[in-house]
Amino acid sequence: MARAIMMREAGGPEVLKPESVTIGDPGAGQVRLRQTAIGVNFHDCYVRSGLYKTLPLPGVPGIEAAGVIEAVGPGVNSFSVGDRVGYVTSGYGSYADARLIDAGILMRLPDAIDDRTAASTLVRGLTAQLLLHQVYPVWPGHTVLVHAAAGGVGRLLCQWAKHLGATVIGTVGSEDKAQIARANGCDHTILYRTENFVEKVQAITNGRGVDVAYDSVGKDTFLGSMQSLALLGHLANFGQASGPIEPFTTSLLAQKSNSVSRPIVFHYLADPARRGNMAQSLFKALADGVITADARHEYAFDDVAQAHRDMEARKTAGAVLLIP
């Protein structure tokens, strides 16, 4: 038997209920994983509320966790009992103290990365890795714009981009967040509530614009991000915190031969070779101190509803974990 957080209907945090479940033995290509730390993301809140209708109900939410393999099924040759692993999955199910999972999506954790760091960093860190190294590879001399620069992914983007030799411009909502962004490698901060970020970007870059804009805000910033691009610049939209982006005419891109992408981390992790390279890159950056894990807010497994309430009330600043 195991315990899982079951969601039988969409709604407020109260719909998240701990239940006993039977998981059985792993089948072909599977392992049974005892989970030691479970990441809680805003994605989970959107699933729980019904904004994202991507989890068949009843179902167990959650997309990332870390743990120890307790049993391996037939055909699993790459992992053994006792191995420490982490994962990110679009198939949900991580809100559990134990589960069966496809061995093909697991990432072996190096000794330098503890379980709680892994569970609190995988989604954010792998997102930062794909944005900076694959969607638009950043090199010395590039200028980048990072929206929500003091946020979970934004902070990692600032740290990593600065290490890569870029000039980093970040938008934030307050002076306190500006201090966080600057402490994490941001060269210039823009208070987007009181300053026009497009005008500020143009002033900072002497009218050139940025080589790449990393935009997780969506509707409220998308066109401004496009206006902030330099010739041949790229806009990577990887979220929609302010709402979905309205349709736009592609002729806007022709004005400066710009390009736009909408990367999804799960798609980049689908190929085993790419996933392994991304994980290796992330773990090395963490081990070398290029990027640092967020401060963590840890909740007991049964307190998942409170974790969601605190996240939605903006009472957490950093990663949120459930500890079985």
C-alpha atoms as a PDB file:
ATOM      1  CA  MET A   1       0.000   0.000   0.000  1.00  0.00           C
ATOM      2  CA  ALA A   2       1.013   3.592  -0.573  1.00  0.00           C
ATOM      3  CA  ARG A   3      -0.492   6.987   0.120  1.00  0.00           C
ATOM      4  CA  ALA A   4      -1.374   9.423  -2.632  1.00  0.00           C
ATOM      5  CA  ILE A   5      -3.045  12.804  -2.863  1.00  0.00           C
ATOM      6  CA  MET A   6      -6.161  12.064  -4.881  1.00  0.00           C
ATOM      7  CA  MET A   7      -8.066  14.709  -6.791  1.00  0.00           C
ATOM      8  CA  ARG A   8     -11.623  13.671  -7.686  1.00  0.00           C
ATOM      9  CA  GLU A   9     -12.892  17.050  -8.844  1.00  0.00           C
ATOM     10  CA  ALA A  10     -11.508  20.451  -9.730  1.00  0.00           C
ATOM     11  CA  GLY A  11     -11.751  23.211  -7.170  1.00  0.00           C
ATOM     12  CA  GLY A  12      -9.957  24.820  -4.260  1.00  0.00           C
ATOM     13  CA  PRO A  13      -7.117  23.299  -2.230  1.00  0.00           C
ATOM     14  CA  GLU A  14      -9.665  21.323  -0.211  1.00  0.00           C
ATOM     15  CA  VAL A  15     -10.171  18.911  -3.156  1.00  0.00           C
ATOM     16  CA  LEU A  16      -6.703  17.460  -2.504  1.00  0.00           C
ATOM     17  CA  LYS A  17      -7.271  14.432  -0.245  1.00  0.00           C
ATOM     18  CA  PRO A  18      -4.755  11.867   1.042  1.00  0.00           C
ATOM     19  CA  GLU A  19      -5.883   8.307   0.272  1.00  0.00           C
ATOM     20  CA  SER A  20      -4.440   4.813   0.558  1.00  0.00           C
ATOM     21  CA  VAL A  21      -3.750   3.210  -2.811  1.00  0.00           C
ATOM     22  CA  THR A  22      -2.447  -0.141  -4.002  1.00  0.00           C
ATOM     23  CA  ILE A  23       0.473   0.101  -6.424  1.00  0.00           C
ATOM     24  CA  GLY A  24       1.649  -3.509  -6.771  1.00  0.00           C
ATOM     25  CA  ASP A  25       4.819  -4.695  -8.474  1.00  0.00           C
ATOM     26  CA  PRO A  26       6.467  -2.900 -11.387  1.00  0.00           C
ATOM     27  CA  GLY A  27       5.615  -4.139 -14.856  1.00  0.00           C
ATOM     28  CA  ALA A  28       7.865  -4.339 -17.877  1.00  0.00           C
ATOM     29  CA  GLY A  29      10.016  -1.212 -18.155  1.00  0.00           C
ATOM     30  CA  GLN A  30       8.843   0.132 -14.801  1.00  0.00           C
ATOM     31  CA  VAL A  31      10.314   0.670 -11.356  1.00  0.00           C
ATOM     32  CA  ARG A  32       8.674   1.098  -7.980  1.00  0.00           C
ATOM     33  CA  LEU A  33       9.905   4.360  -6.515  1.00  0.00           C
ATOM     34  CA  ARG A  34       9.821   5.367  -2.864  1.00  0.00           C
ATOM     35  CA  GLN A  35       9.568   9.123  -3.063  1.00  0.00           C
ATOM     36  CA  THR A  36      11.531  11.240  -0.617  1.00  0.00           C
ATOM     37  CA  ALA A  37      10.724  14.749  -1.872  1.00  0.00           C
ATOM     38  CA  ILE A  38       7.967  16.015  -4.169  1.00  0.00           C
ATOM     39  CA  GLY A  39       8.015  19.324  -6.002  1.00  0.00           C
ATOM     40  CA  VAL A  40       4.924  21.543  -5.894  1.00  0.00           C
ATOM     41  CA  ASN A  41       4.521  23.937  -8.823  1.00  0.00           C
ATOM     42  CA  PHE A  42       2.023  26.585  -9.911  1.00  0.00           C
ATOM     43  CA  HIS A  43       1.261  24.174 -12.748  1.00  0.00           C
ATOM     44  CA  ASP A  44      -0.244  21.912 -10.073  1.00  0.00           C
ATOM     45  CA  CYS A  45      -2.456  24.741  -8.827  1.00  0.00           C
ATOM     46  CA  TYR A  46      -3.755  25.329 -12.355  1.00  0.00           C
ATOM     47  CA  VAL A  47      -4.512  21.610 -12.703  1.00  0.00           C
ATOM     48  CA  ARG A  48      -6.270  21.507  -9.340  1.00  0.00           C
ATOM     49  CA  SER A  49      -8.388  24.579 -10.085  1.00  0.00           C
ATOM     50  CA  GLY A  50      -9.497  23.231 -13.453  1.00  0.00           C
ATOM     51  CA  LEU A  51      -7.732  25.951 -15.467  1.00  0.00           C
ATOM     52  CA  TYR A  52      -5.625  23.152 -16.997  1.00  0.00           C
ATOM     53  CA  LYS A  53      -7.834  20.195 -17.873  1.00  0.00           C
ATOM     54  CA  THR A  54      -4.925  17.842 -18.455  1.00  0.00           C
ATOM     55  CA  LEU A  55      -5.333  15.375 -15.556  1.00  0.00           C
ATOM     56  CA  PRO A  56      -8.055  12.729 -16.046  1.00  0.00           C
ATOM     57  CA  LEU A  57     -10.144  12.536 -12.870  1.00  0.00           C
ATOM     58  CA  PRO A  58      -9.958  10.948 -10.445  1.00  0.00           C
ATOM     59  CA  GLY A  59      -6.203  11.337 -10.565  1.00  0.00           C
ATOM     60  CA  VAL A  60      -3.032  12.150  -8.671  1.00  0.00           C
ATOM     61  CA  PRO A  61      -1.467  15.512  -9.581  1.00  0.00           C
ATOM     62  CA  GLY A  62       2.197  16.475  -9.530  1.00  0.00           C
ATOM     63  CA  ILE A  63       4.909  16.520 -12.178  1.00  0.00           C
ATOM     64  CA  GLU A  64       8.281  16.186 -10.387  1.00  0.00           C
ATOM     65  CA  ALA A  65       9.825  14.283  -7.521  1.00  0.00           C
ATOM     66  CA  ALA A  66      12.919  12.457  -6.329  1.00  0.00           C
ATOM     67  CA  GLY A  67      13.346   9.179  -4.524  1.00  0.00           C
ATOM     68  CA  VAL A  68      14.927   5.747  -4.234  1.00  0.00           C
ATOM     69  CA  ILE A  69      14.165   2.719  -6.396  1.00  0.00           C
ATOM     70  CA  GLU A  70      12.663  -0.150  -4.378  1.00  0.00           C
ATOM     71  CA  ALA A  71      12.025  -2.666  -7.173  1.00  0.00           C
ATOM     72  CA  VAL A  72      12.651  -2.963 -10.914  1.00  0.00           C
ATOM     73  CA  GLY A  73      10.434  -4.642 -13.482  1.00  0.00           C
ATOM     74  CA  PRO A  74      11.358  -6.908 -16.397  1.00  0.00           C
ATOM     75  CA  GLY A  75      13.526  -5.288 -19.015  1.00  0.00           C
ATOM     76  CA  VAL A  76      14.921  -2.534 -16.780  1.00  0.00           C
ATOM     77  CA  ASN A  77      18.692  -2.726 -17.135  1.00  0.00           C
ATOM     78  CA  SER A  78      19.765   0.884 -16.599  1.00  0.00           C
ATOM     79  CA  PHE A  79      18.697   1.151 -12.943  1.00  0.00           C
ATOM     80  CA  SER A  80      18.987  -1.010  -9.831  1.00  0.00           C
ATOM     81  CA  VAL A  81      17.356  -1.208  -6.432  1.00  0.00           C
ATOM     82  CA  GLY A  82      18.776   1.549  -4.236  1.00  0.00           C
ATOM     83  CA  ASP A  83      19.494   4.020  -7.040  1.00  0.00           C
ATOM     84  CA  ARG A  84      18.580   7.642  -6.342  1.00  0.00           C
ATOM     85  CA  VAL A  85      16.632   9.228  -9.195  1.00  0.00           C
ATOM     86  CA  GLY A  86      14.502  12.212 -10.091  1.00  0.00           C
ATOM     87  CA  TYR A  87      11.994  12.840 -12.832  1.00  0.00           C
ATOM     88  CA  VAL A  88       9.736  15.315 -14.575  1.00  0.00           C
ATOM     89  CA  THR A  89       6.597  13.964 -16.192  1.00  0.00           C
ATOM     90  CA  SER A  90       3.587  15.253 -18.107  1.00  0.00           C
ATOM     91  CA  GLY A  91       1.751  12.102 -16.973  1.00  0.00           C
ATOM     92  CA  TYR A  92       1.267  13.394 -13.414  1.00  0.00           C
ATOM     93  CA  GLY A  93       1.168  11.178 -10.323  1.00  0.00           C
ATOM     94  CA  SER A  94       4.035  12.584  -8.254  1.00  0.00           C
ATOM     95  CA  TYR A  95       1.890  13.470  -5.203  1.00  0.00           C
ATOM     96  CA  ALA A  96       2.457  10.040  -3.620  1.00  0.00           C
ATOM     97  CA  ASP A  97       4.877   8.481  -1.147  1.00  0.00           C
ATOM     98  CA  ALA A  98       5.485   5.581  -3.551  1.00  0.00           C
ATOM     99  CA  ARG A  99       4.536   4.890  -7.153  1.00  0.00           C
ATOM    100  CA  LEU A 100       5.194   2.858 -10.270  1.00  0.00           C
ATOM    101  CA  ILE A 101       6.873   4.817 -13.034  1.00  0.00           C
ATOM    102  CA  ASP A 102       8.408   4.238 -16.444  1.00  0.00           C
ATOM    103  CA  ALA A 103      12.165   3.832 -16.002  1.00  0.00           C
ATOM    104  CA  GLY A 104      12.660   5.582 -19.323  1.00  0.00           C
ATOM    105  CA  ILE A 105      11.922   9.013 -17.891  1.00  0.00           C
ATOM    106  CA  LEU A 106      14.140   8.772 -14.807  1.00  0.00           C
ATOM    107  CA  MET A 107      17.317  10.787 -14.283  1.00  0.00           C
ATOM    108  CA  ARG A 108      20.029   9.353 -12.043  1.00  0.00           C
ATOM    109  CA  LEU A 109      20.987  11.806  -9.299  1.00  0.00           C
ATOM    110  CA  PRO A 110      24.698  12.402  -8.686  1.00  0.00           C
ATOM    111  CA  ASP A 111      26.043  12.289  -5.138  1.00  0.00           C
ATOM    112  CA  ALA A 112      26.490  16.069  -5.153  1.00  0.00           C
ATOM    113  CA  ILE A 113      22.736  16.656  -5.579  1.00  0.00           C
ATOM    114  CA  ASP A 114      20.532  15.685  -2.637  1.00  0.00           C
ATOM    115  CA  ASP A 115      16.942  14.551  -3.121  1.00  0.00           C
ATOM    116  CA  ARG A 116      15.334  17.752  -1.887  1.00  0.00           C
ATOM    117  CA  THR A 117      17.488  19.935  -4.122  1.00  0.00           C
ATOM    118  CA  ALA A 118      16.579  17.751  -7.084  1.00  0.00           C
ATOM    119  CA  ALA A 119      12.840  17.764  -6.383  1.00  0.00           C
ATOM    120  CA  SER A 120      12.827  21.535  -5.961  1.00  0.00           C
ATOM    121  CA  THR A 121      14.956  22.309  -9.013  1.00  0.00           C
ATOM    122  CA  LEU A 122      14.285  19.851 -11.840  1.00  0.00           C
ATOM    123  CA  VAL A 123      11.388  21.608 -13.590  1.00  0.00           C
ATOM    124  CA  ARG A 124      12.797  25.100 -13.136  1.00  0.00           C
ATOM    125  CA  GLY A 125      16.397  24.138 -13.821  1.00  0.00           C
ATOM    126  CA  LEU A 126      15.675  22.067 -16.906  1.00  0.00           C
ATOM    127  CA  THR A 127      13.501  24.897 -18.225  1.00  0.00           C
ATOM    128  CA  ALA A 128      16.369  27.346 -17.762  1.00  0.00           C
ATOM    129  CA  GLN A 129      18.750  24.897 -19.427  1.00  0.00           C
ATOM    130  CA  LEU A 130      16.644  24.480 -22.553  1.00  0.00           C
ATOM    131  CA  LEU A 131      16.035  28.229 -22.851  1.00  0.00           C
ATOM    132  CA  LEU A 132      19.685  29.229 -22.530  1.00  0.00           C
ATOM    133  CA  HIS A 133      21.352  26.334 -24.322  1.00  0.00           C
ATOM    134  CA  GLN A 134      18.874  25.071 -26.905  1.00  0.00           C
ATOM    135  CA  VAL A 135      16.039  27.452 -27.757  1.00  0.00           C
ATOM    136  CA  TYR A 136      18.482  30.364 -28.087  1.00  0.00           C
ATOM    137  CA  PRO A 137      22.065  29.510 -27.112  1.00  0.00           C
ATOM    138  CA  VAL A 138      23.493  32.443 -25.178  1.00  0.00           C
ATOM    139  CA  TRP A 139      27.119  33.472 -25.699  1.00  0.00           C
ATOM    140  CA  PRO A 140      29.425  36.191 -24.339  1.00  0.00           C
ATOM    141  CA  GLY A 141      28.347  39.579 -25.656  1.00  0.00           C
ATOM    142  CA  HIS A 142      24.648  38.766 -25.930  1.00  0.00           C
ATOM    143  CA  THR A 143      22.081  40.943 -24.176  1.00  0.00           C
ATOM    144  CA  VAL A 144      19.075  39.108 -22.718  1.00  0.00           C
ATOM    145  CA  LEU A 145      15.778  40.265 -21.263  1.00  0.00           C
ATOM    146  CA  VAL A 146      14.303  38.166 -18.447  1.00  0.00           C
ATOM    147  CA  HIS A 147      10.771  38.849 -17.258  1.00  0.00           C
ATOM    148  CA  ALA A 148       9.922  37.979 -13.644  1.00  0.00           C
ATOM    149  CA  ALA A 149      13.657  38.041 -12.981  1.00  0.00           C
ATOM    150  CA  ALA A 150      13.287  37.337  -9.253  1.00  0.00           C
ATOM    151  CA  GLY A 151      11.015  34.328  -9.791  1.00  0.00           C
ATOM    152  CA  GLY A 152      11.898  30.653  -9.755  1.00  0.00           C
ATOM    153  CA  VAL A 153      12.984  30.265 -13.372  1.00  0.00           C
ATOM    154  CA  GLY A 154      13.881  33.937 -13.761  1.00  0.00           C
ATOM    155  CA  ARG A 155      16.471  33.804 -10.991  1.00  0.00           C
ATOM    156  CA  LEU A 156      18.160  30.780 -12.571  1.00  0.00           C
ATOM    157  CA  LEU A 157      18.114  32.438 -15.998  1.00  0.00           C
ATOM    158  CA  CYS A 158      19.846  35.511 -14.578  1.00  0.00           C
ATOM    159  CA  GLN A 159      22.526  33.460 -12.814  1.00  0.00           C
ATOM    160  CA  TRP A 160      23.235  31.188 -15.749  1.00  0.00           C
ATOM    161  CA  ALA A 161      23.094  33.877 -18.455  1.00  0.00           C
ATOM    162  CA  LYS A 162      25.523  36.051 -16.478  1.00  0.00           C
ATOM    163  CA  HIS A 163      27.892  33.090 -16.146  1.00  0.00           C
ATOM    164  CA  LEU A 164      27.692  32.606 -19.919  1.00  0.00           C
ATOM    165  CA  GLY A 165      28.889  36.164 -20.450  1.00  0.00           C
ATOM    166  CA  ALA A 166      25.626  37.917 -21.275  1.00  0.00           C
ATOM    167  CA  THR A 167      24.396  41.315 -20.163  1.00  0.00           C
ATOM    168  CA  VAL A 168      21.180  40.628 -18.267  1.00  0.00           C
ATOM    169  CA  ILE A 169      18.186  42.968 -18.103  1.00  0.00           C
ATOM    170  CA  GLY A 170      15.390  41.885 -15.788  1.00  0.00           C
ATOM    171  CA  THR A 171      11.866  43.119 -15.126  1.00  0.00           C
ATOM    172  CA  VAL A 172      10.515  42.905 -11.576  1.00  0.00           C
ATOM    173  CA  GLY A 173       7.500  44.144  -9.648  1.00  0.00           C
ATOM    174  CA  SER A 174       9.149  45.825  -6.667  1.00  0.00           C
ATOM    175  CA  GLU A 175      12.426  47.185  -5.360  1.00  0.00           C
ATOM    176  CA  ASP A 176      12.746  44.172  -3.036  1.00  0.00           C
ATOM    177  CA  LYS A 177      12.547  41.887  -6.050  1.00  0.00           C
ATOM    178  CA  ALA A 178      14.990  44.112  -7.915  1.00  0.00           C
ATOM    179  CA  GLN A 179      17.509  43.487  -5.139  1.00  0.00           C
ATOM    180  CA  ILE A 180      16.967  39.726  -5.493  1.00  0.00           C
ATOM    181  CA  ALA A 181      17.469  39.927  -9.254  1.00  0.00           C
ATOM    182  CA  ARG A 182      20.650  41.980  -8.930  1.00  0.00           C
ATOM    183  CA  ALA A 183      22.026  39.553  -6.341  1.00  0.00           C
ATOM    184  CA  ASN A 184      21.512  36.785  -8.877  1.00  0.00           C
ATOM    185  CA  GLY A 185      23.391  38.316 -11.792  1.00  0.00           C
ATOM    186  CA  CYS A 186      20.973  40.873 -13.236  1.00  0.00           C
ATOM    187  CA  ASP A 187      22.910  43.890 -14.569  1.00  0.00           C
ATOM    188  CA  HIS A 188      19.891  46.170 -15.053  1.00  0.00           C
ATOM    189  CA  THR A 189      16.489  45.959 -13.374  1.00  0.00           C
ATOM    190  CA  ILE A 190      13.248  47.535 -14.587  1.00  0.00           C
ATOM    191  CA  LEU A 191      10.279  48.096 -12.279  1.00  0.00           C
ATOM    192  CA  TYR A 192       7.584  47.195 -14.772  1.00  0.00           C
ATOM    193  CA  ARG A 193       4.721  48.609 -12.676  1.00  0.00           C
ATOM    194  CA  THR A 194       6.108  52.154 -12.812  1.00  0.00           C
ATOM    195  CA  GLU A 195       8.450  52.059 -15.819  1.00  0.00           C
ATOM    196  CA  ASN A 196       7.841  51.302 -19.498  1.00  0.00           C
ATOM    197  CA  PHE A 197      10.079  48.289 -19.988  1.00  0.00           C
ATOM    198  CA  VAL A 198      10.291  48.718 -23.773  1.00  0.00           C
ATOM    199  CA  GLU A 199      11.569  52.286 -23.414  1.00  0.00           C
ATOM    200  CA  LYS A 200      13.979  51.255 -20.669  1.00  0.00           C
ATOM    201  CA  VAL A 201      15.369  48.391 -22.751  1.00  0.00           C
ATOM    202  CA  GLN A 202      15.944  50.747 -25.662  1.00  0.00           C
ATOM    203  CA  ALA A 203      17.716  53.211 -23.366  1.00  0.00           C
ATOM    204  CA  ILE A 204      19.914  50.535 -21.784  1.00  0.00           C
ATOM    205  CA  THR A 205      20.901  49.079 -25.174  1.00  0.00           C
ATOM    206  CA  ASN A 206      21.293  52.459 -26.937  1.00  0.00           C
ATOM    207  CA  GLY A 207      18.391  51.608 -29.236  1.00  0.00           C
ATOM    208  CA  ARG A 208      19.723  48.227 -30.337  1.00  0.00           C
ATOM    209  CA  GLY A 209      17.397  45.963 -28.358  1.00  0.00           C
ATOM    210  CA  VAL A 210      18.071  42.529 -26.887  1.00  0.00           C
ATOM    211  CA  ASP A 211      19.224  39.361 -28.610  1.00  0.00           C
ATOM    212  CA  VAL A 212      16.665  37.248 -26.785  1.00  0.00           C
ATOM    213  CA  ALA A 213      13.707  37.875 -24.494  1.00  0.00           C
ATOM    214  CA  TYR A 214      12.624  35.145 -22.084  1.00  0.00           C
ATOM    215  CA  ASP A 215       8.962  35.787 -21.321  1.00  0.00           C
ATOM    216  CA  SER A 216       6.888  33.716 -18.885  1.00  0.00           C
ATOM    217  CA  VAL A 217       4.281  36.433 -18.342  1.00  0.00           C
ATOM    218  CA  GLY A 218       2.425  36.128 -21.630  1.00  0.00           C
ATOM    219  CA  LYS A 219      -0.454  38.400 -22.560  1.00  0.00           C
ATOM    220  CA  ASP A 220       0.692  41.564 -20.741  1.00  0.00           C
ATOM    221  CA  THR A 221       4.284  41.531 -22.000  1.00  0.00           C
ATOM    222  CA  PHE A 222       4.359  39.615 -25.291  1.00  0.00           C
ATOM    223  CA  LEU A 223       4.133  42.508 -27.756  1.00  0.00           C
ATOM    224  CA  GLY A 224       6.448  44.629 -25.619  1.00  0.00           C
ATOM    225  CA  SER A 225       8.967  41.799 -25.576  1.00  0.00           C
ATOM    226  CA  MET A 226       8.808  41.657 -29.357  1.00  0.00           C
ATOM    227  CA  GLN A 227       9.341  45.411 -29.577  1.00  0.00           C
ATOM    228  CA  SER A 228      12.406  45.009 -27.337  1.00  0.00           C
ATOM    229  CA  LEU A 229      14.194  42.656 -29.722  1.00  0.00           C
ATOM    230  CA  ALA A 230      17.234  43.567 -31.783  1.00  0.00           C
ATOM    231  CA  LEU A 231      17.643  42.634 -35.435  1.00  0.00           C
ATOM    232  CA  LEU A 232      17.458  38.832 -35.713  1.00  0.00           C
ATOM    233  CA  GLY A 233      16.375  38.675 -32.083  1.00  0.00           C
ATOM    234  CA  HIS A 234      14.334  35.839 -30.620  1.00  0.00           C
ATOM    235  CA  LEU A 235      11.363  35.825 -28.252  1.00  0.00           C
ATOM    236  CA  ALA A 236      10.955  32.667 -26.164  1.00  0.00           C
ATOM    237  CA  ASN A 237       7.522  32.644 -24.540  1.00  0.00           C
ATOM    238  CA  PHE A 238       7.423  29.849 -21.946  1.00  0.00           C
ATOM    239  CA  GLY A 239       4.462  30.806 -19.786  1.00  0.00           C
ATOM    240  CA  GLN A 240       1.288  32.847 -19.556  1.00  0.00           C
ATOM    241  CA  ALA A 241       1.016  34.077 -15.987  1.00  0.00           C
ATOM    242  CA  SER A 242      -1.032  37.099 -17.152  1.00  0.00           C
ATOM    243  CA  GLY A 243      -3.178  35.107 -19.561  1.00  0.00           C
ATOM    244  CA  PRO A 244      -2.955  33.539 -23.026  1.00  0.00           C
ATOM    245  CA  ILE A 245      -1.398  35.502 -25.865  1.00  0.00           C
ATOM    246  CA  GLU A 246      -3.796  36.868 -28.427  1.00  0.00           C
ATOM    247  CA  PRO A 247      -3.255  36.023 -32.117  1.00  0.00           C
ATOM    248  CA  PHE A 248      -0.807  38.311 -33.918  1.00  0.00           C
ATOM    249  CA  THR A 249       0.201  38.810 -37.515  1.00  0.00           C
ATOM    250  CA  THR A 250       3.510  37.256 -38.495  1.00  0.00           C
ATOM    251  CA  SER A 251       4.404  40.408 -40.456  1.00  0.00           C
ATOM    252  CA  LEU A 252       5.394  41.882 -37.077  1.00  0.00           C
ATOM    253  CA  LEU A 253       8.333  39.485 -37.104  1.00  0.00           C
ATOM    254  CA  ALA A 254       9.439  40.694 -40.528  1.00  0.00           C
ATOM    255  CA  GLN A 255      10.192  44.191 -39.254  1.00  0.00           C
ATOM    256  CA  LYS A 256      13.477  42.986 -37.742  1.00  0.00           C
ATOM    257  CA  SER A 257      13.646  39.369 -38.989  1.00  0.00           C
ATOM    258  CA  ASN A 258      12.679  38.191 -35.520  1.00  0.00           C
ATOM    259  CA  SER A 259      11.538  34.740 -34.432  1.00  0.00           C
ATOM    260  CA  VAL A 260       9.244  33.400 -31.721  1.00  0.00           C
ATOM    261  CA  SER A 261       9.057  30.036 -29.967  1.00  0.00           C
ATOM    262  CA  ARG A 262       6.770  28.465 -27.355  1.00  0.00           C
ATOM    263  CA  PRO A 263       8.912  25.706 -25.809  1.00  0.00           C
ATOM    264  CA  ILE A 264       7.456  23.098 -23.442  1.00  0.00           C
ATOM    265  CA  VAL A 265       9.923  21.326 -21.164  1.00  0.00           C
ATOM    266  CA  PHE A 266       8.183  17.929 -21.494  1.00  0.00           C
ATOM    267  CA  HIS A 267       8.783  17.918 -25.258  1.00  0.00           C
ATOM    268  CA  TYR A 268      12.496  18.546 -24.800  1.00  0.00           C
ATOM    269  CA  LEU A 269      12.719  15.719 -22.261  1.00  0.00           C
ATOM    270  CA  ALA A 270      10.989  13.178 -24.523  1.00  0.00           C
ATOM    271  CA  ASP A 271      14.190  12.130 -26.281  1.00  0.00           C
ATOM    272  CA  PRO A 272      16.389  10.093 -23.885  1.00  0.00           C
ATOM    273  CA  ALA A 273      19.688  11.397 -25.246  1.00  0.00           C
ATOM    274  CA  ARG A 274      18.579  15.020 -25.040  1.00  0.00           C
ATOM    275  CA  ARG A 275      17.145  14.463 -21.553  1.00  0.00           C
ATOM    276  CA  GLY A 276      20.410  12.959 -20.352  1.00  0.00           C
ATOM    277  CA  ASN A 277      22.443  15.852 -21.739  1.00  0.00           C
ATOM    278  CA  MET A 278      20.096  18.405 -20.207  1.00  0.00           C
ATOM    279  CA  ALA A 279      20.217  16.711 -16.807  1.00  0.00           C
ATOM    280  CA  GLN A 280      24.006  16.442 -16.908  1.00  0.00           C
ATOM    281  CA  SER A 281      24.268  20.145 -17.792  1.00  0.00           C
ATOM    282  CA  LEU A 282      21.907  21.134 -14.974  1.00  0.00           C
ATOM    283  CA  PHE A 283      23.567  18.968 -12.337  1.00  0.00           C
ATOM    284  CA  LYS A 284      27.022  20.290 -13.288  1.00  0.00           C
ATOM    285  CA  ALA A 285      25.801  23.883 -13.069  1.00  0.00           C
ATOM    286  CA  LEU A 286      24.413  23.192  -9.590  1.00  0.00           C
ATOM    287  CA  ALA A 287      27.504  21.330  -8.411  1.00  0.00           C
ATOM    288  CA  ASP A 288      29.825  24.055  -9.731  1.00  0.00           C
ATOM    289  CA  GLY A 289      27.813  26.843  -8.134  1.00  0.00           C
ATOM    290  CA  VAL A 290      26.915  28.423 -11.477  1.00  0.00           C
ATOM    291  CA  ILE A 291      23.297  28.337 -10.314  1.00  0.00           C
ATOM    292  CA  THR A 292      21.919  27.835  -6.829  1.00  0.00           C
ATOM    293  CA  ALA A 293      18.779  26.090  -5.664  1.00  0.00           C
ATOM    294  CA  ASP A 294      15.943  28.219  -4.343  1.00  0.00           C
ATOM    295  CA  ALA A 295      15.215  28.543  -0.674  1.00  0.00           C
ATOM    296  CA  ARG A 296      12.737  25.787   0.170  1.00  0.00           C
ATOM    297  CA  HIS A 297       9.382  25.736   1.907  1.00  0.00           C
ATOM    298  CA  GLU A 298       8.768  22.200   3.126  1.00  0.00           C
ATOM    299  CA  TYR A 299       5.342  20.815   4.003  1.00  0.00           C
ATOM    300  CA  ALA A 300       4.309  17.482   5.461  1.00  0.00           C
ATOM    301  CA  PHE A 301       2.619  15.227   2.916  1.00  0.00           C
ATOM    302  CA  ASP A 302      -0.841  15.647   4.474  1.00  0.00           C
ATOM    303  CA  ASP A 303      -0.482  19.441   4.411  1.00  0.00           C
ATOM    304  CA  VAL A 304      -0.627  19.661   0.604  1.00  0.00           C
ATOM    305  CA  ALA A 305      -3.780  21.812   0.672  1.00  0.00           C
ATOM    306  CA  GLN A 306      -2.026  24.369   2.871  1.00  0.00           C
ATOM    307  CA  ALA A 307       0.959  24.360   0.511  1.00  0.00           C
ATOM    308  CA  HIS A 308      -1.365  25.269  -2.360  1.00  0.00           C
ATOM    309  CA  ARG A 309      -3.080  27.979  -0.283  1.00  0.00           C
ATOM    310  CA  ASP A 310       0.241  29.545   0.668  1.00  0.00           C
ATOM    311  CA  MET A 311       1.514  29.488  -2.911  1.00  0.00           C
ATOM    312  CA  GLU A 312      -1.620  31.117  -4.267  1.00  0.00           C
ATOM    313  CA  ALA A 313      -1.511  33.740  -1.494  1.00  0.00           C
ATOM    314  CA  ARG A 314       2.116  34.510  -2.433  1.00  0.00           C
ATOM    315  CA  LYS A 315       3.263  33.506   1.054  1.00  0.00           C
ATOM    316  CA  THR A 316       6.087  31.390  -0.366  1.00  0.00           C
ATOM    317  CA  ALA A 317       9.243  32.795  -1.942  1.00  0.00           C
ATOM    318  CA  GLY A 318      11.149  29.915  -3.443  1.00  0.00           C
ATOM    319  CA  ALA A 319      10.565  26.250  -4.083  1.00  0.00           C
ATOM    320  CA  VAL A 320       7.772  24.329  -2.354  1.00  0.00           C
ATOM    321  CA  LEU A 321       8.180  20.666  -1.393  1.00  0.00           C
ATOM    322  CA  LEU A 322       6.029  17.927   0.053  1.00  0.00           C
ATOM    323  CA  ILE A 323       7.968  15.547   2.311  1.00  0.00           C
ATOM    324  CA  PRO A 324       6.344  12.099   2.650  1.00  0.00           C
END
